[in-house]
């Protein structure tokens, strides 16, 4: 699904990753983190895809909300597991969304 974000401005965190062959427990943790993120103040939604390269974009009301999410203890533990076990490489980018537009076919 495409996240239903408010009118800009808001922030996007783009997390791009390459996984290692040992991804035992990864899918369960990804679901847990998506659920946990959705409970955080300032969370606006997310979109995710994986076909070799994984890309998850989460949307946030403010930089403070992003900083707070990064420090949630379960999220910190997941980050460490990702570095130790699941990712061969990753990159995080944080952007201010100044404009958005789209299209949705009805019926």
PDB file of N, CA and C in Angstrom:
ATOM      1  N   UNK A   1       0.818  -1.187   0.000  1.00  0.00           N
ATOM      2  CA  UNK A   1       0.000   0.000   0.000  1.00  0.00           C
ATOM      3  C   UNK A   1       0.861   1.249   0.000  1.00  0.00           C
ATOM      4  N   UNK A   2       0.320   2.303  -0.533  1.00  0.00           N
ATOM      5  CA  UNK A   2       0.991   3.595  -0.511  1.00  0.00           C
ATOM      6  C   UNK A   2       0.532   4.330   0.747  1.00  0.00           C
ATOM      7  N   UNK A   3       1.479   4.831   1.512  1.00  0.00           N
ATOM      8  CA  UNK A   3       1.169   5.531   2.762  1.00  0.00           C
ATOM      9  C   UNK A   3       0.324   6.771   2.481  1.00  0.00           C
ATOM     10  N   UNK A   4      -0.639   6.992   3.331  1.00  0.00           N
ATOM     11  CA  UNK A   4      -1.510   8.160   3.230  1.00  0.00           C
ATOM     12  C   UNK A   4      -0.921   9.275   4.083  1.00  0.00           C
ATOM     13  N   UNK A   5      -0.058  10.059   3.499  1.00  0.00           N
ATOM     14  CA  UNK A   5       0.647  11.112   4.224  1.00  0.00           C
ATOM     15  C   UNK A   5      -0.131  12.425   4.172  1.00  0.00           C
ATOM     16  N   UNK A   6       0.126  13.305   5.138  1.00  0.00           N
ATOM     17  CA  UNK A   6      -0.547  14.609   5.148  1.00  0.00           C
ATOM     18  C   UNK A   6       0.085  15.545   4.123  1.00  0.00           C
ATOM     19  N   UNK A   7      -0.449  16.739   4.045  1.00  0.00           N
ATOM     20  CA  UNK A   7       0.161  17.752   3.191  1.00  0.00           C
ATOM     21  C   UNK A   7       1.561  18.076   3.723  1.00  0.00           C
ATOM     22  N   UNK A   8       2.538  18.262   2.838  1.00  0.00           N
ATOM     23  CA  UNK A   8       3.877  18.637   3.277  1.00  0.00           C
ATOM     24  C   UNK A   8       3.849  19.995   3.978  1.00  0.00           C
ATOM     25  N   UNK A   9       4.872  20.257   4.766  1.00  0.00           N
ATOM     26  CA  UNK A   9       6.113  19.495   4.888  1.00  0.00           C
ATOM     27  C   UNK A   9       6.013  18.401   5.952  1.00  0.00           C
ATOM     28  N   UNK A  10       6.773  17.350   5.717  1.00  0.00           N
ATOM     29  CA  UNK A  10       6.999  16.268   6.666  1.00  0.00           C
ATOM     30  C   UNK A  10       8.309  15.617   6.256  1.00  0.00           C
ATOM     31  N   UNK A  11       8.744  14.621   6.976  1.00  0.00           N
ATOM     32  CA  UNK A  11      10.054  14.013   6.723  1.00  0.00           C
ATOM     33  C   UNK A  11       9.923  12.571   6.257  1.00  0.00           C
ATOM     34  N   UNK A  12      10.888  12.147   5.460  1.00  0.00           N
ATOM     35  CA  UNK A  12      10.979  10.761   5.001  1.00  0.00           C
ATOM     36  C   UNK A  12      12.336  10.205   5.419  1.00  0.00           C
ATOM     37  N   UNK A  13      12.316   8.999   5.972  1.00  0.00           N
ATOM     38  CA  UNK A  13      13.540   8.269   6.281  1.00  0.00           C
ATOM     39  C   UNK A  13      13.604   7.121   5.284  1.00  0.00           C
ATOM     40  N   UNK A  14      14.626   7.127   4.450  1.00  0.00           N
ATOM     41  CA  UNK A  14      14.794   6.109   3.420  1.00  0.00           C
ATOM     42  C   UNK A  14      15.881   5.155   3.881  1.00  0.00           C
ATOM     43  N   UNK A  15      15.501   3.911   4.110  1.00  0.00           N
ATOM     44  CA  UNK A  15      16.441   2.890   4.574  1.00  0.00           C
ATOM     45  C   UNK A  15      16.612   1.876   3.443  1.00  0.00           C
ATOM     46  N   UNK A  16      17.813   1.813   2.881  1.00  0.00           N
ATOM     47  CA  UNK A  16      18.140   0.911   1.778  1.00  0.00           C
ATOM     48  C   UNK A  16      19.123  -0.132   2.298  1.00  0.00           C
ATOM     49  N   UNK A  17      18.878  -1.411   1.979  1.00  0.00           N
ATOM     50  CA  UNK A  17      19.738  -2.453   2.545  1.00  0.00           C
ATOM     51  C   UNK A  17      19.971  -3.606   1.578  1.00  0.00           C
ATOM     52  N   UNK A  18      21.093  -4.282   1.824  1.00  0.00           N
ATOM     53  CA  UNK A  18      21.413  -5.555   1.188  1.00  0.00           C
ATOM     54  C   UNK A  18      21.535  -6.575   2.302  1.00  0.00           C
ATOM     55  N   UNK A  19      20.838  -7.695   2.179  1.00  0.00           N
ATOM     56  CA  UNK A  19      20.850  -8.706   3.236  1.00  0.00           C
ATOM     57  C   UNK A  19      21.949  -9.731   3.009  1.00  0.00           C
ATOM     58  N   UNK A  20      22.361 -10.357   4.112  1.00  0.00           N
ATOM     59  CA  UNK A  20      23.264 -11.490   4.064  1.00  0.00           C
ATOM     60  C   UNK A  20      22.438 -12.743   3.779  1.00  0.00           C
ATOM     61  N   UNK A  21      23.076 -13.860   3.431  1.00  0.00           N
ATOM     62  CA  UNK A  21      22.318 -15.096   3.226  1.00  0.00           C
ATOM     63  C   UNK A  21      21.621 -15.593   4.499  1.00  0.00           C
ATOM     64  N   UNK A  22      22.162 -15.261   5.683  1.00  0.00           N
ATOM     65  CA  UNK A  22      21.569 -15.698   6.943  1.00  0.00           C
ATOM     66  C   UNK A  22      20.549 -14.671   7.410  1.00  0.00           C
ATOM     67  N   UNK A  23      19.299 -14.855   6.994  1.00  0.00           N
ATOM     68  CA  UNK A  23      18.274 -13.892   7.393  1.00  0.00           C
ATOM     69  C   UNK A  23      17.238 -14.505   8.336  1.00  0.00           C
ATOM     70  N   UNK A  24      17.667 -15.541   9.064  1.00  0.00           N
ATOM     71  CA  UNK A  24      16.767 -16.186  10.017  1.00  0.00           C
ATOM     72  C   UNK A  24      16.273 -15.172  11.047  1.00  0.00           C
ATOM     73  N   UNK A  25      14.960 -15.049  11.176  1.00  0.00           N
ATOM     74  CA  UNK A  25      14.346 -14.127  12.110  1.00  0.00           C
ATOM     75  C   UNK A  25      14.118 -12.728  11.567  1.00  0.00           C
ATOM     76  N   UNK A  26      14.633 -12.459  10.363  1.00  0.00           N
ATOM     77  CA  UNK A  26      14.532 -11.111   9.794  1.00  0.00           C
ATOM     78  C   UNK A  26      13.083 -10.682   9.554  1.00  0.00           C
ATOM     79  N   UNK A  27      12.303 -11.523   8.902  1.00  0.00           N
ATOM     80  CA  UNK A  27      10.926 -11.147   8.564  1.00  0.00           C
ATOM     81  C   UNK A  27      10.093 -10.860   9.811  1.00  0.00           C
ATOM     82  N   UNK A  28      10.271 -11.671  10.838  1.00  0.00           N
ATOM     83  CA  UNK A  28       9.540 -11.446  12.077  1.00  0.00           C
ATOM     84  C   UNK A  28       9.932 -10.115  12.713  1.00  0.00           C
ATOM     85  N   UNK A  29      11.227  -9.817  12.701  1.00  0.00           N
ATOM     86  CA  UNK A  29      11.694  -8.562  13.283  1.00  0.00           C
ATOM     87  C   UNK A  29      11.202  -7.373  12.458  1.00  0.00           C
ATOM     88  N   UNK A  30      11.204  -7.497  11.150  1.00  0.00           N
ATOM     89  CA  UNK A  30      10.720  -6.404  10.296  1.00  0.00           C
ATOM     90  C   UNK A  30       9.253  -6.097  10.601  1.00  0.00           C
ATOM     91  N   UNK A  31       8.447  -7.124  10.778  1.00  0.00           N
ATOM     92  CA  UNK A  31       7.031  -6.920  11.123  1.00  0.00           C
ATOM     93  C   UNK A  31       6.899  -6.264  12.493  1.00  0.00           C
ATOM     94  N   UNK A  32       7.699  -6.714  13.443  1.00  0.00           N
ATOM     95  CA  UNK A  32       7.670  -6.146  14.789  1.00  0.00           C
ATOM     96  C   UNK A  32       8.056  -4.672  14.763  1.00  0.00           C
ATOM     97  N   UNK A  33       9.092  -4.324  14.001  1.00  0.00           N
ATOM     98  CA  UNK A  33       9.540  -2.935  13.928  1.00  0.00           C
ATOM     99  C   UNK A  33       8.502  -2.058  13.235  1.00  0.00           C
ATOM    100  N   UNK A  34       7.846  -2.571  12.200  1.00  0.00           N
ATOM    101  CA  UNK A  34       6.798  -1.796  11.523  1.00  0.00           C
ATOM    102  C   UNK A  34       5.656  -1.501  12.487  1.00  0.00           C
ATOM    103  N   UNK A  35       5.282  -2.497  13.272  1.00  0.00           N
ATOM    104  CA  UNK A  35       4.210  -2.316  14.255  1.00  0.00           C
ATOM    105  C   UNK A  35       4.632  -1.338  15.350  1.00  0.00           C
ATOM    106  N   UNK A  36       5.853  -1.473  15.825  1.00  0.00           N
ATOM    107  CA  UNK A  36       6.356  -0.590  16.876  1.00  0.00           C
ATOM    108  C   UNK A  36       6.474   0.848  16.372  1.00  0.00           C
ATOM    109  N   UNK A  37       6.972   1.032  15.159  1.00  0.00           N
ATOM    110  CA  UNK A  37       7.095   2.378  14.589  1.00  0.00           C
ATOM    111  C   UNK A  37       5.730   3.053  14.513  1.00  0.00           C
ATOM    112  N   UNK A  38       4.717   2.287  14.124  1.00  0.00           N
ATOM    113  CA  UNK A  38       3.363   2.833  13.981  1.00  0.00           C
ATOM    114  C   UNK A  38       2.798   3.356  15.303  1.00  0.00           C
ATOM    115  N   UNK A  39       3.363   2.931  16.415  1.00  0.00           N
ATOM    116  CA  UNK A  39       2.907   3.370  17.739  1.00  0.00           C
ATOM    117  C   UNK A  39       3.632   4.621  18.228  1.00  0.00           C
ATOM    118  N   UNK A  40       4.644   5.065  17.481  1.00  0.00           N
ATOM    119  CA  UNK A  40       5.471   6.184  17.936  1.00  0.00           C
ATOM    120  C   UNK A  40       4.832   7.526  17.603  1.00  0.00           C
ATOM    121  N   UNK A  41       4.988   8.505  18.491  1.00  0.00           N
ATOM    122  CA  UNK A  41       4.512   9.856  18.192  1.00  0.00           C
ATOM    123  C   UNK A  41       5.167  10.382  16.918  1.00  0.00           C
ATOM    124  N   UNK A  42       4.372  10.980  16.057  1.00  0.00           N
ATOM    125  CA  UNK A  42       4.889  11.582  14.829  1.00  0.00           C
ATOM    126  C   UNK A  42       4.967  10.659  13.638  1.00  0.00           C
ATOM    127  N   UNK A  43       4.703   9.358  13.830  1.00  0.00           N
ATOM    128  CA  UNK A  43       4.746   8.406  12.721  1.00  0.00           C
ATOM    129  C   UNK A  43       3.577   8.687  11.782  1.00  0.00           C
ATOM    130  N   UNK A  44       3.844   8.727  10.479  1.00  0.00           N
ATOM    131  CA  UNK A  44       2.812   9.021   9.484  1.00  0.00           C
ATOM    132  C   UNK A  44       2.521   7.860   8.545  1.00  0.00           C
ATOM    133  N   UNK A  45       3.383   6.843   8.514  1.00  0.00           N
ATOM    134  CA  UNK A  45       3.187   5.701   7.624  1.00  0.00           C
ATOM    135  C   UNK A  45       4.511   5.231   7.054  1.00  0.00           C
ATOM    136  N   UNK A  46       4.452   4.132   6.289  1.00  0.00           N
ATOM    137  CA  UNK A  46       5.670   3.648   5.638  1.00  0.00           C
ATOM    138  C   UNK A  46       5.314   2.828   4.405  1.00  0.00           C
ATOM    139  N   UNK A  47       6.318   2.623   3.580  1.00  0.00           N
ATOM    140  CA  UNK A  47       6.231   1.772   2.387  1.00  0.00           C
ATOM    141  C   UNK A  47       7.514   0.962   2.329  1.00  0.00           C
ATOM    142  N   UNK A  48       7.399  -0.281   1.846  1.00  0.00           N
ATOM    143  CA  UNK A  48       8.570  -1.149   1.835  1.00  0.00           C
ATOM    144  C   UNK A  48       8.518  -2.095   0.650  1.00  0.00           C
ATOM    145  N   UNK A  49       9.694  -2.381   0.091  1.00  0.00           N
ATOM    146  CA  UNK A  49       9.807  -3.339  -1.012  1.00  0.00           C
ATOM    147  C   UNK A  49      11.178  -4.003  -0.930  1.00  0.00           C
ATOM    148  N   UNK A  50      11.232  -5.258  -1.361  1.00  0.00           N
ATOM    149  CA  UNK A  50      12.510  -5.964  -1.393  1.00  0.00           C
ATOM    150  C   UNK A  50      12.525  -6.879  -2.613  1.00  0.00           C
ATOM    151  N   UNK A  51      13.509  -6.653  -3.464  1.00  0.00           N
ATOM    152  CA  UNK A  51      13.789  -7.529  -4.596  1.00  0.00           C
ATOM    153  C   UNK A  51      15.291  -7.427  -4.814  1.00  0.00           C
ATOM    154  N   UNK A  52      16.033  -8.132  -3.978  1.00  0.00           N
ATOM    155  CA  UNK A  52      17.486  -7.956  -3.954  1.00  0.00           C
ATOM    156  C   UNK A  52      17.814  -6.816  -3.013  1.00  0.00           C
ATOM    157  N   UNK A  53      17.646  -5.592  -3.485  1.00  0.00           N
ATOM    158  CA  UNK A  53      17.841  -4.418  -2.645  1.00  0.00           C
ATOM    159  C   UNK A  53      16.530  -4.154  -1.907  1.00  0.00           C
ATOM    160  N   UNK A  54      16.617  -3.948  -0.597  1.00  0.00           N
ATOM    161  CA  UNK A  54      15.429  -3.610   0.184  1.00  0.00           C
ATOM    162  C   UNK A  54      15.366  -2.115   0.392  1.00  0.00           C
ATOM    163  N   UNK A  55      14.169  -1.569   0.250  1.00  0.00           N
ATOM    164  CA  UNK A  55      13.966  -0.141   0.477  1.00  0.00           C
ATOM    165  C   UNK A  55      12.724   0.026   1.338  1.00  0.00           C
ATOM    166  N   UNK A  56      12.902   0.696   2.464  1.00  0.00           N
ATOM    167  CA  UNK A  56      11.781   1.057   3.316  1.00  0.00           C
ATOM    168  C   UNK A  56      11.823   2.558   3.510  1.00  0.00           C
ATOM    169  N   UNK A  57      10.699   3.197   3.255  1.00  0.00           N
ATOM    170  CA  UNK A  57      10.576   4.628   3.466  1.00  0.00           C
ATOM    171  C   UNK A  57       9.534   4.836   4.563  1.00  0.00           C
ATOM    172  N   UNK A  58       9.947   5.455   5.651  1.00  0.00           N
ATOM    173  CA  UNK A  58       8.991   5.795   6.706  1.00  0.00           C
ATOM    174  C   UNK A  58       8.828   7.310   6.728  1.00  0.00           C
ATOM    175  N   UNK A  59       7.639   7.744   7.099  1.00  0.00           N
ATOM    176  CA  UNK A  59       7.290   9.162   7.070  1.00  0.00           C
ATOM    177  C   UNK A  59       7.011   9.644   8.491  1.00  0.00           C
ATOM    178  N   UNK A  60       7.528  10.844   8.787  1.00  0.00           N
ATOM    179  CA  UNK A  60       7.487  11.374  10.147  1.00  0.00           C
ATOM    180  C   UNK A  60       7.139  12.849  10.141  1.00  0.00           C
ATOM    181  N   UNK A  61       6.510  13.285  11.204  1.00  0.00           N
ATOM    182  CA  UNK A  61       6.094  14.680  11.349  1.00  0.00           C
ATOM    183  C   UNK A  61       7.289  15.612  11.537  1.00  0.00           C
ATOM    184  N   UNK A  62       8.325  15.157  12.280  1.00  0.00           N
ATOM    185  CA  UNK A  62       9.436  16.063  12.601  1.00  0.00           C
ATOM    186  C   UNK A  62      10.748  15.300  12.760  1.00  0.00           C
ATOM    187  N   UNK A  63      11.850  16.042  12.744  1.00  0.00           N
ATOM    188  CA  UNK A  63      13.166  15.459  12.997  1.00  0.00           C
ATOM    189  C   UNK A  63      13.239  14.933  14.424  1.00  0.00           C
ATOM    190  N   UNK A  64      12.603  15.620  15.359  1.00  0.00           N
ATOM    191  CA  UNK A  64      12.593  15.153  16.746  1.00  0.00           C
ATOM    192  C   UNK A  64      11.923  13.780  16.847  1.00  0.00           C
ATOM    193  N   UNK A  65      10.829  13.579  16.130  1.00  0.00           N
ATOM    194  CA  UNK A  65      10.157  12.276  16.137  1.00  0.00           C
ATOM    195  C   UNK A  65      11.072  11.189  15.574  1.00  0.00           C
ATOM    196  N   UNK A  66      11.822  11.519  14.545  1.00  0.00           N
ATOM    197  CA  UNK A  66      12.769  10.563  13.951  1.00  0.00           C
ATOM    198  C   UNK A  66      13.864  10.219  14.961  1.00  0.00           C
ATOM    199  N   UNK A  67      14.424  11.223  15.616  1.00  0.00           N
ATOM    200  CA  UNK A  67      15.461  10.983  16.629  1.00  0.00           C
ATOM    201  C   UNK A  67      14.925  10.117  17.769  1.00  0.00           C
ATOM    202  N   UNK A  68      13.701  10.399  18.193  1.00  0.00           N
ATOM    203  CA  UNK A  68      13.107   9.606  19.273  1.00  0.00           C
ATOM    204  C   UNK A  68      12.906   8.156  18.855  1.00  0.00           C
ATOM    205  N   UNK A  69      12.459   7.917  17.629  1.00  0.00           N
ATOM    206  CA  UNK A  69      12.267   6.559  17.130  1.00  0.00           C
ATOM    207  C   UNK A  69      13.603   5.821  17.089  1.00  0.00           C
ATOM    208  N   UNK A  70      14.650   6.487  16.668  1.00  0.00           N
ATOM    209  CA  UNK A  70      15.962   5.844  16.586  1.00  0.00           C
ATOM    210  C   UNK A  70      16.438   5.362  17.950  1.00  0.00           C
ATOM    211  N   UNK A  71      15.965   5.993  19.029  1.00  0.00           N
ATOM    212  CA  UNK A  71      16.426   5.655  20.380  1.00  0.00           C
ATOM    213  C   UNK A  71      15.518   4.681  21.137  1.00  0.00           C
ATOM    214  N   UNK A  72      14.433   4.222  20.527  1.00  0.00           N
ATOM    215  CA  UNK A  72      13.562   3.241  21.187  1.00  0.00           C
ATOM    216  C   UNK A  72      14.363   1.954  21.395  1.00  0.00           C
ATOM    217  N   UNK A  73      14.356   1.418  22.606  1.00  0.00           N
ATOM    218  CA  UNK A  73      15.241   0.301  22.966  1.00  0.00           C
ATOM    219  C   UNK A  73      15.071  -0.924  22.062  1.00  0.00           C
ATOM    220  N   UNK A  74      13.855  -1.312  21.744  1.00  0.00           N
ATOM    221  CA  UNK A  74      13.659  -2.460  20.844  1.00  0.00           C
ATOM    222  C   UNK A  74      14.187  -2.171  19.444  1.00  0.00           C
ATOM    223  N   UNK A  75      14.069  -0.916  19.014  1.00  0.00           N
ATOM    224  CA  UNK A  75      14.598  -0.524  17.705  1.00  0.00           C
ATOM    225  C   UNK A  75      16.130  -0.558  17.715  1.00  0.00           C
ATOM    226  N   UNK A  76      16.737  -0.092  18.816  1.00  0.00           N
ATOM    227  CA  UNK A  76      18.201  -0.165  18.949  1.00  0.00           C
ATOM    228  C   UNK A  76      18.680  -1.616  18.886  1.00  0.00           C
ATOM    229  N   UNK A  77      17.966  -2.525  19.558  1.00  0.00           N
ATOM    230  CA  UNK A  77      18.339  -3.945  19.534  1.00  0.00           C
ATOM    231  C   UNK A  77      18.223  -4.506  18.125  1.00  0.00           C
ATOM    232  N   UNK A  78      17.173  -4.137  17.402  1.00  0.00           N
ATOM    233  CA  UNK A  78      16.998  -4.606  16.020  1.00  0.00           C
ATOM    234  C   UNK A  78      18.116  -4.066  15.125  1.00  0.00           C
ATOM    235  N   UNK A  79      18.515  -2.816  15.344  1.00  0.00           N
ATOM    236  CA  UNK A  79      19.615  -2.244  14.563  1.00  0.00           C
ATOM    237  C   UNK A  79      20.896  -3.053  14.764  1.00  0.00           C
ATOM    238  N   UNK A  80      21.171  -3.418  16.002  1.00  0.00           N
ATOM    239  CA  UNK A  80      22.384  -4.189  16.293  1.00  0.00           C
ATOM    240  C   UNK A  80      22.332  -5.579  15.657  1.00  0.00           C
ATOM    241  N   UNK A  81      21.177  -6.220  15.705  1.00  0.00           N
ATOM    242  CA  UNK A  81      21.032  -7.525  15.032  1.00  0.00           C
ATOM    243  C   UNK A  81      21.222  -7.377  13.531  1.00  0.00           C
ATOM    244  N   UNK A  82      20.702  -6.311  12.972  1.00  0.00           N
ATOM    245  CA  UNK A  82      20.874  -6.063  11.546  1.00  0.00           C
ATOM    246  C   UNK A  82      22.337  -5.958  11.166  1.00  0.00           C
ATOM    247  N   UNK A  83      23.105  -5.219  11.945  1.00  0.00           N
ATOM    248  CA  UNK A  83      24.536  -5.053  11.679  1.00  0.00           C
ATOM    249  C   UNK A  83      25.277  -6.377  11.851  1.00  0.00           C
ATOM    250  N   UNK A  84      24.954  -7.121  12.910  1.00  0.00           N
ATOM    251  CA  UNK A  84      25.651  -8.379  13.207  1.00  0.00           C
ATOM    252  C   UNK A  84      25.274  -9.510  12.260  1.00  0.00           C
ATOM    253  N   UNK A  85      23.996  -9.575  11.873  1.00  0.00           N
ATOM    254  CA  UNK A  85      23.509 -10.790  11.221  1.00  0.00           C
ATOM    255  C   UNK A  85      22.858 -10.588   9.862  1.00  0.00           C
ATOM    256  N   UNK A  86      21.999  -9.604   9.705  1.00  0.00           N
ATOM    257  CA  UNK A  86      21.122  -9.572   8.535  1.00  0.00           C
ATOM    258  C   UNK A  86      21.607  -8.747   7.360  1.00  0.00           C
ATOM    259  N   UNK A  87      22.410  -7.730   7.585  1.00  0.00           N
ATOM    260  CA  UNK A  87      22.775  -6.821   6.499  1.00  0.00           C
ATOM    261  C   UNK A  87      24.243  -6.942   6.127  1.00  0.00           C
ATOM    262  N   UNK A  88      24.495  -6.975   4.825  1.00  0.00           N
ATOM    263  CA  UNK A  88      25.870  -6.852   4.351  1.00  0.00           C
ATOM    264  C   UNK A  88      26.197  -5.379   4.106  1.00  0.00           C
ATOM    265  N   UNK A  89      25.161  -4.565   3.907  1.00  0.00           N
ATOM    266  CA  UNK A  89      25.325  -3.118   3.748  1.00  0.00           C
ATOM    267  C   UNK A  89      23.975  -2.451   3.942  1.00  0.00           C
ATOM    268  N   UNK A  90      24.003  -1.214   4.428  1.00  0.00           N
ATOM    269  CA  UNK A  90      22.782  -0.409   4.466  1.00  0.00           C
ATOM    270  C   UNK A  90      23.131   1.064   4.418  1.00  0.00           C
ATOM    271  N   UNK A  91      22.155   1.867   4.077  1.00  0.00           N
ATOM    272  CA  UNK A  91      22.303   3.318   4.033  1.00  0.00           C
ATOM    273  C   UNK A  91      20.980   3.916   4.482  1.00  0.00           C
ATOM    274  N   UNK A  92      21.057   4.947   5.325  1.00  0.00           N
ATOM    275  CA  UNK A  92      19.874   5.672   5.765  1.00  0.00           C
ATOM    276  C   UNK A  92      19.983   7.106   5.276  1.00  0.00           C
ATOM    277  N   UNK A  93      18.898   7.578   4.697  1.00  0.00           N
ATOM    278  CA  UNK A  93      18.838   8.964   4.224  1.00  0.00           C
ATOM    279  C   UNK A  93      17.598   9.612   4.830  1.00  0.00           C
ATOM    280  N   UNK A  94      17.726  10.853   5.275  1.00  0.00           N
ATOM    281  CA  UNK A  94      16.605  11.573   5.863  1.00  0.00           C
ATOM    282  C   UNK A  94      16.362  12.823   5.024  1.00  0.00           C
ATOM    283  N   UNK A  95      15.108  12.986   4.607  1.00  0.00           N
ATOM    284  CA  UNK A  95      14.762  14.051   3.669  1.00  0.00           C
ATOM    285  C   UNK A  95      13.550  14.834   4.158  1.00  0.00           C
ATOM    286  N   UNK A  96      13.521  16.103   3.857  1.00  0.00           N
ATOM    287  CA  UNK A  96      12.335  16.918   4.067  1.00  0.00           C
ATOM    288  C   UNK A  96      11.481  16.821   2.803  1.00  0.00           C
ATOM    289  N   UNK A  97      10.254  16.392   2.960  1.00  0.00           N
ATOM    290  CA  UNK A  97       9.323  16.338   1.828  1.00  0.00           C
ATOM    291  C   UNK A  97       8.648  17.700   1.745  1.00  0.00           C
ATOM    292  N   UNK A  98       8.890  18.385   0.655  1.00  0.00           N
ATOM    293  CA  UNK A  98       8.329  19.718   0.465  1.00  0.00           C
ATOM    294  C   UNK A  98       7.127  19.698  -0.461  1.00  0.00           C
ATOM    295  N   UNK A  99       7.020  18.636  -1.240  1.00  0.00           N
ATOM    296  CA  UNK A  99       5.931  18.553  -2.219  1.00  0.00           C
ATOM    297  C   UNK A  99       5.620  17.093  -2.457  1.00  0.00           C
ATOM    298  N   UNK A 100       4.341  16.761  -2.552  1.00  0.00           N
ATOM    299  CA  UNK A 100       3.952  15.427  -2.993  1.00  0.00           C
ATOM    300  C   UNK A 100       2.677  15.516  -3.813  1.00  0.00           C
ATOM    301  N   UNK A 101       2.500  14.572  -4.691  1.00  0.00           N
ATOM    302  CA  UNK A 101       1.300  14.501  -5.516  1.00  0.00           C
ATOM    303  C   UNK A 101       1.157  13.078  -5.997  1.00  0.00           C
ATOM    304  N   UNK A 102      -0.022  12.703  -6.464  1.00  0.00           N
ATOM    305  CA  UNK A 102      -0.218  11.322  -6.893  1.00  0.00           C
ATOM    306  C   UNK A 102      -1.488  11.125  -7.669  1.00  0.00           C
ATOM    307  N   UNK A 103      -1.792   9.878  -7.886  1.00  0.00           N
ATOM    308  CA  UNK A 103      -2.941   9.451  -8.659  1.00  0.00           C
ATOM    309  C   UNK A 103      -3.437   8.138  -8.094  1.00  0.00           C
ATOM    310  N   UNK A 104      -4.721   7.971  -8.021  1.00  0.00           N
ATOM    311  CA  UNK A 104      -5.303   6.702  -7.610  1.00  0.00           C
ATOM    312  C   UNK A 104      -6.536   6.440  -8.463  1.00  0.00           C
ATOM    313  N   UNK A 105      -6.480   5.334  -9.203  1.00  0.00           N
ATOM    314  CA  UNK A 105      -7.603   4.957 -10.059  1.00  0.00           C
ATOM    315  C   UNK A 105      -8.765   4.492  -9.181  1.00  0.00           C
ATOM    316  N   UNK A 106      -9.941   4.974  -9.458  1.00  0.00           N
ATOM    317  CA  UNK A 106     -11.144   4.600  -8.707  1.00  0.00           C
ATOM    318  C   UNK A 106     -11.905   3.535  -9.470  1.00  0.00           C
ATOM    319  N   UNK A 107     -12.368   2.522  -8.728  1.00  0.00           N
ATOM    320  CA  UNK A 107     -13.224   1.465  -9.275  1.00  0.00           C
ATOM    321  C   UNK A 107     -12.566   0.675 -10.290  1.00  0.00           C
TER     322      UNK A 107
END
